[in-house]
């Protein structure tokens, strides 16, 4: 029997934050953190729930990669509210999210996600939190495309495992979204060009299926998401951080 990953404590903590500050406050302004447990999903386990904190604020998606680089230097100060309200931590949160997975979907090619492992990040996984279309490629900008210098000095993914993940029940609240019962249904290995710009990322074709929703009492199509695992890199000339600038859909012609 496949091991099931439990995240109930994480959800409980999120609900406690909501009850403490209320919907009128910026309770969702939380620092970015990676989730090492995502590797279990890529190894065949079932993920009970994938919680997307502040889905519509791309800086909040740090938990969608198993590793994330933290910025160097002194972090900004968190200013406490003398009246007991939520602290002013926006600058600190921005600092923690500098290399978060949210940078893959911000439309800004001067920012990038970067893994934070010792070494080149082989085995690090990530999930691009947007639904994919069967048989249609995406675009990927592998490496740190801010400049030619940042591209060359940092690692770029060379060989990646492209993973199709099925997910049930796309739920949402005012500021959060989540998927349930995630599992890998198809994968393939792709060799990327060492190119400082967009290139096609071809996905494996997969069988689109439905499941019976207990909530709706009817068959509902699965949602399908993209996962990537770093298998090999083009080495940087100075840093051993592996980066990806952007992933996006391919526009219809």
Foldseek 3Di string as FASTA:
>chain_A
DADEDDDVVVVVVLVVLCVVAHPVDVSLLDAADAALCVLSQVVWHWYFKDKQRQVVPLLHRQHQKNFFAQDDDDADDWAADPVRHDIPCNSNRCRRSQQGPSLQAPPDLQGWHWGHDPFQQAFIKGWDPDFDDFFFWKKWQWFRLNDPQRRQQEKTFFKKKKWKKWWDDFDDDPRMTMTGTIHTFDIDMDGDDSDSDIDIDTGHGGDWDWDQDPVVRGTDTTTIIIMMGRHDIDHHPHDSITIIRYMGGDDDD
